Amino acid sequence: MPNRRFTADEANDLILKLQALLPDSSSRCKTTRVPATKVLKKTCNYIKKLEKEVDCLSEKLSKLMASEDITSIDAITIRTLLLQQ
């Protein structure tokens, strides 16, 4: 199957979809045209921020699970919640 190139309309549609996913409320406004490079930079920065948050929360969870303050029932509940998808 030959590789098909994206059209400009398809690329613009993907940029608008990325823009809509960003938490900045002004980026959700579809009437304001934002350059694709700006949307891509904001998306990359947001992903990096989310990665840091995940790392921080993972570290906190690890400390909590290793602490003596957590009961076995709490640990089971947390493990069950983490395994749910």
N, C-alpha and C. Protein backbone atom coordinates (compact mmCIF):
# COMPACT_ATOMS: atom_id res chain seq x y z
N MET A 1 0.85 -1.18 0.00
CA MET A 1 0.00 0.00 0.00
C MET A 1 0.89 1.24 0.00
N PRO A 2 0.74 2.11 -0.97
CA PRO A 2 1.60 3.29 -1.06
C PRO A 2 1.31 4.29 0.06
N ASN A 3 2.37 4.99 0.47
CA ASN A 3 2.19 6.03 1.49
C ASN A 3 1.45 7.21 0.88
N ARG A 4 0.46 7.68 1.59
CA ARG A 4 -0.31 8.83 1.12
C ARG A 4 0.08 10.04 1.95
N ARG A 5 0.27 11.16 1.32
CA ARG A 5 0.63 12.39 2.03
C ARG A 5 -0.63 13.06 2.57
N PHE A 6 -0.46 13.72 3.71
CA PHE A 6 -1.56 14.50 4.26
C PHE A 6 -1.79 15.73 3.40
N THR A 7 -3.04 16.08 3.25
CA THR A 7 -3.34 17.33 2.56
C THR A 7 -3.24 18.46 3.58
N ALA A 8 -3.18 19.66 3.11
CA ALA A 8 -3.12 20.83 4.00
C ALA A 8 -4.37 20.89 4.88
N ASP A 9 -5.51 20.54 4.32
CA ASP A 9 -6.76 20.54 5.10
C ASP A 9 -6.71 19.52 6.22
N GLU A 10 -6.15 18.33 5.93
CA GLU A 10 -6.03 17.30 6.96
C GLU A 10 -5.07 17.74 8.07
N ALA A 11 -3.96 18.35 7.67
CA ALA A 11 -3.00 18.84 8.66
C ALA A 11 -3.63 19.93 9.52
N ASN A 12 -4.35 20.84 8.90
CA ASN A 12 -5.03 21.90 9.65
C ASN A 12 -6.07 21.33 10.61
N ASP A 13 -6.77 20.30 10.17
CA ASP A 13 -7.77 19.66 11.02
C ASP A 13 -7.11 19.03 12.25
N LEU A 14 -5.97 18.37 12.05
CA LEU A 14 -5.24 17.78 13.17
C LEU A 14 -4.73 18.84 14.14
N ILE A 15 -4.26 19.96 13.61
CA ILE A 15 -3.80 21.05 14.46
C ILE A 15 -4.95 21.59 15.29
N LEU A 16 -6.12 21.74 14.68
CA LEU A 16 -7.29 22.22 15.43
C LEU A 16 -7.69 21.24 16.52
N LYS A 17 -7.57 19.94 16.24
CA LYS A 17 -7.89 18.92 17.25
C LYS A 17 -6.90 18.98 18.41
N LEU A 18 -5.61 19.16 18.09
CA LEU A 18 -4.61 19.32 19.15
C LEU A 18 -4.90 20.57 19.97
N GLN A 19 -5.20 21.64 19.30
CA GLN A 19 -5.49 22.92 19.96
C GLN A 19 -6.66 22.76 20.92
N ALA A 20 -7.67 22.00 20.53
CA ALA A 20 -8.84 21.80 21.38
C ALA A 20 -8.52 20.99 22.63
N LEU A 21 -7.46 20.18 22.59
CA LEU A 21 -7.08 19.36 23.73
C LEU A 21 -6.27 20.13 24.78
N LEU A 22 -5.74 21.27 24.40
CA LEU A 22 -4.92 22.04 25.33
C LEU A 22 -5.79 22.70 26.40
N PRO A 23 -5.29 22.77 27.64
CA PRO A 23 -6.11 23.29 28.73
C PRO A 23 -6.36 24.78 28.66
N ASP A 24 -5.56 25.51 27.94
CA ASP A 24 -5.73 26.96 27.83
C ASP A 24 -7.07 27.25 27.15
N SER A 25 -7.94 27.95 27.84
CA SER A 25 -9.29 28.17 27.32
C SER A 25 -9.29 28.95 26.01
N SER A 26 -8.33 29.82 25.80
CA SER A 26 -8.30 30.58 24.54
C SER A 26 -7.96 29.67 23.37
N SER A 27 -7.29 28.54 23.66
CA SER A 27 -6.95 27.63 22.57
C SER A 27 -8.15 26.81 22.11
N ARG A 28 -9.22 26.81 22.91
CA ARG A 28 -10.43 26.06 22.53
C ARG A 28 -11.31 26.84 21.55
N CYS A 29 -11.02 28.09 21.42
CA CYS A 29 -11.81 28.94 20.52
C CYS A 29 -11.40 28.67 19.08
N LYS A 30 -12.31 28.12 18.30
CA LYS A 30 -11.98 27.75 16.93
C LYS A 30 -12.01 28.95 15.98
N THR A 31 -12.51 30.08 16.44
CA THR A 31 -12.56 31.24 15.56
C THR A 31 -11.22 31.94 15.48
N THR A 32 -10.38 31.78 16.49
CA THR A 32 -9.07 32.41 16.49
C THR A 32 -8.07 31.48 15.83
N ARG A 33 -7.46 31.94 14.77
CA ARG A 33 -6.49 31.14 14.03
C ARG A 33 -5.13 31.28 14.70
N VAL A 34 -4.60 30.18 15.19
CA VAL A 34 -3.30 30.16 15.85
C VAL A 34 -2.33 29.42 14.94
N PRO A 35 -1.12 29.96 14.76
CA PRO A 35 -0.15 29.27 13.89
C PRO A 35 0.12 27.84 14.39
N ALA A 36 0.29 26.93 13.45
CA ALA A 36 0.52 25.51 13.78
C ALA A 36 1.75 25.35 14.67
N THR A 37 2.80 26.13 14.41
CA THR A 37 4.01 26.01 15.23
C THR A 37 3.73 26.34 16.69
N LYS A 38 2.88 27.33 16.92
CA LYS A 38 2.54 27.70 18.30
C LYS A 38 1.74 26.59 18.98
N VAL A 39 0.80 26.01 18.25
CA VAL A 39 0.00 24.91 18.79
C VAL A 39 0.90 23.72 19.11
N LEU A 40 1.82 23.40 18.21
CA LEU A 40 2.73 22.27 18.43
C LEU A 40 3.64 22.52 19.63
N LYS A 41 4.14 23.74 19.76
CA LYS A 41 5.00 24.07 20.92
C LYS A 41 4.21 23.95 22.23
N LYS A 42 2.99 24.50 22.23
CA LYS A 42 2.15 24.42 23.43
C LYS A 42 1.83 22.96 23.77
N THR A 43 1.58 22.16 22.74
CA THR A 43 1.28 20.75 22.95
C THR A 43 2.48 20.03 23.57
N CYS A 44 3.66 20.28 23.03
CA CYS A 44 4.88 19.67 23.58
C CYS A 44 5.10 20.09 25.02
N ASN A 45 4.93 21.36 25.32
CA ASN A 45 5.10 21.85 26.69
C ASN A 45 4.07 21.23 27.64
N TYR A 46 2.85 21.08 27.16
CA TYR A 46 1.80 20.48 27.98
C TYR A 46 2.11 19.01 28.27
N ILE A 47 2.58 18.29 27.25
CA ILE A 47 2.94 16.89 27.44
C ILE A 47 4.09 16.77 28.45
N LYS A 48 5.08 17.65 28.36
CA LYS A 48 6.19 17.63 29.32
C LYS A 48 5.68 17.90 30.73
N LYS A 49 4.74 18.84 30.86
CA LYS A 49 4.16 19.15 32.17
C LYS A 49 3.42 17.93 32.72
N LEU A 50 2.65 17.27 31.87
CA LEU A 50 1.92 16.08 32.30
C LEU A 50 2.87 14.96 32.72
N GLU A 51 3.97 14.80 31.99
CA GLU A 51 4.97 13.79 32.36
C GLU A 51 5.54 14.06 33.74
N LYS A 52 5.83 15.33 34.03
CA LYS A 52 6.35 15.70 35.36
C LYS A 52 5.32 15.42 36.44
N GLU A 53 4.05 15.72 36.16
CA GLU A 53 2.99 15.45 37.12
C GLU A 53 2.85 13.95 37.38
N VAL A 54 2.94 13.15 36.34
CA VAL A 54 2.86 11.69 36.49
C VAL A 54 4.02 11.20 37.35
N ASP A 55 5.22 11.69 37.07
CA ASP A 55 6.39 11.28 37.85
C ASP A 55 6.22 11.65 39.32
N CYS A 56 5.74 12.86 39.56
CA CYS A 56 5.54 13.33 40.94
C CYS A 56 4.49 12.48 41.65
N LEU A 57 3.37 12.23 40.99
CA LEU A 57 2.32 11.43 41.59
C LEU A 57 2.76 9.98 41.81
N SER A 58 3.54 9.46 40.88
CA SER A 58 4.06 8.10 41.04
C SER A 58 4.98 8.01 42.25
N GLU A 59 5.81 9.01 42.41
CA GLU A 59 6.71 9.03 43.57
C GLU A 59 5.92 9.12 44.88
N LYS A 60 4.91 9.99 44.89
CA LYS A 60 4.07 10.11 46.09
C LYS A 60 3.35 8.81 46.39
N LEU A 61 2.85 8.16 45.35
CA LEU A 61 2.14 6.89 45.54
C LEU A 61 3.10 5.81 46.07
N SER A 62 4.30 5.78 45.53
CA SER A 62 5.29 4.80 45.99
C SER A 62 5.60 5.01 47.46
N LYS A 63 5.77 6.27 47.85
CA LYS A 63 6.05 6.57 49.26
C LYS A 63 4.87 6.18 50.14
N LEU A 64 3.66 6.46 49.67
CA LEU A 64 2.46 6.10 50.42
C LEU A 64 2.36 4.59 50.60
N MET A 65 2.58 3.86 49.51
CA MET A 65 2.47 2.40 49.58
C MET A 65 3.54 1.80 50.49
N ALA A 66 4.68 2.47 50.59
CA ALA A 66 5.78 1.96 51.43
C ALA A 66 5.66 2.42 52.89
N SER A 67 4.79 3.38 53.14
CA SER A 67 4.68 3.91 54.50
C SER A 67 3.92 2.95 55.40
N GLU A 68 4.13 3.15 56.68
CA GLU A 68 3.45 2.31 57.67
C GLU A 68 2.06 2.87 58.00
N ASP A 69 1.74 4.03 57.44
CA ASP A 69 0.45 4.66 57.71
C ASP A 69 -0.68 4.04 56.90
N ILE A 70 -0.35 3.27 55.90
CA ILE A 70 -1.37 2.71 55.03
C ILE A 70 -1.77 1.32 55.53
N THR A 71 -3.06 1.09 55.55
CA THR A 71 -3.54 -0.23 55.98
C THR A 71 -3.52 -1.18 54.78
N SER A 72 -3.62 -2.45 55.05
CA SER A 72 -3.62 -3.43 53.96
C SER A 72 -4.86 -3.27 53.08
N ILE A 73 -5.96 -2.85 53.69
CA ILE A 73 -7.19 -2.62 52.90
C ILE A 73 -6.99 -1.43 51.97
N ASP A 74 -6.35 -0.37 52.48
CA ASP A 74 -6.05 0.79 51.63
C ASP A 74 -5.15 0.39 50.47
N ALA A 75 -4.14 -0.41 50.77
CA ALA A 75 -3.20 -0.85 49.73
C ALA A 75 -3.91 -1.67 48.66
N ILE A 76 -4.79 -2.56 49.10
CA ILE A 76 -5.56 -3.39 48.15
C ILE A 76 -6.45 -2.51 47.29
N THR A 77 -7.10 -1.55 47.92
CA THR A 77 -7.99 -0.64 47.18
C THR A 77 -7.20 0.15 46.14
N ILE A 78 -6.04 0.67 46.53
CA ILE A 78 -5.21 1.45 45.61
C ILE A 78 -4.76 0.57 44.45
N ARG A 79 -4.30 -0.63 44.75
CA ARG A 79 -3.85 -1.55 43.68
C ARG A 79 -5.01 -1.88 42.73
N THR A 80 -6.18 -2.11 43.28
CA THR A 80 -7.35 -2.41 42.45
C THR A 80 -7.67 -1.24 41.53
N LEU A 81 -7.64 -0.03 42.08
CA LEU A 81 -7.92 1.17 41.26
C LEU A 81 -6.88 1.34 40.16
N LEU A 82 -5.61 1.07 40.47
CA LEU A 82 -4.55 1.22 39.48
C LEU A 82 -4.66 0.20 38.36
N LEU A 83 -5.18 -0.97 38.67
CA LEU A 83 -5.29 -2.02 37.65
C LEU A 83 -6.50 -1.85 36.75
N GLN A 84 -7.44 -1.00 37.15
CA GLN A 84 -8.61 -0.74 36.33
C GLN A 84 -8.20 0.11 35.14
N GLN A 85 -8.85 -0.14 34.03
CA GLN A 85 -8.50 0.65 32.84
C GLN A 85 -9.68 1.38 32.32
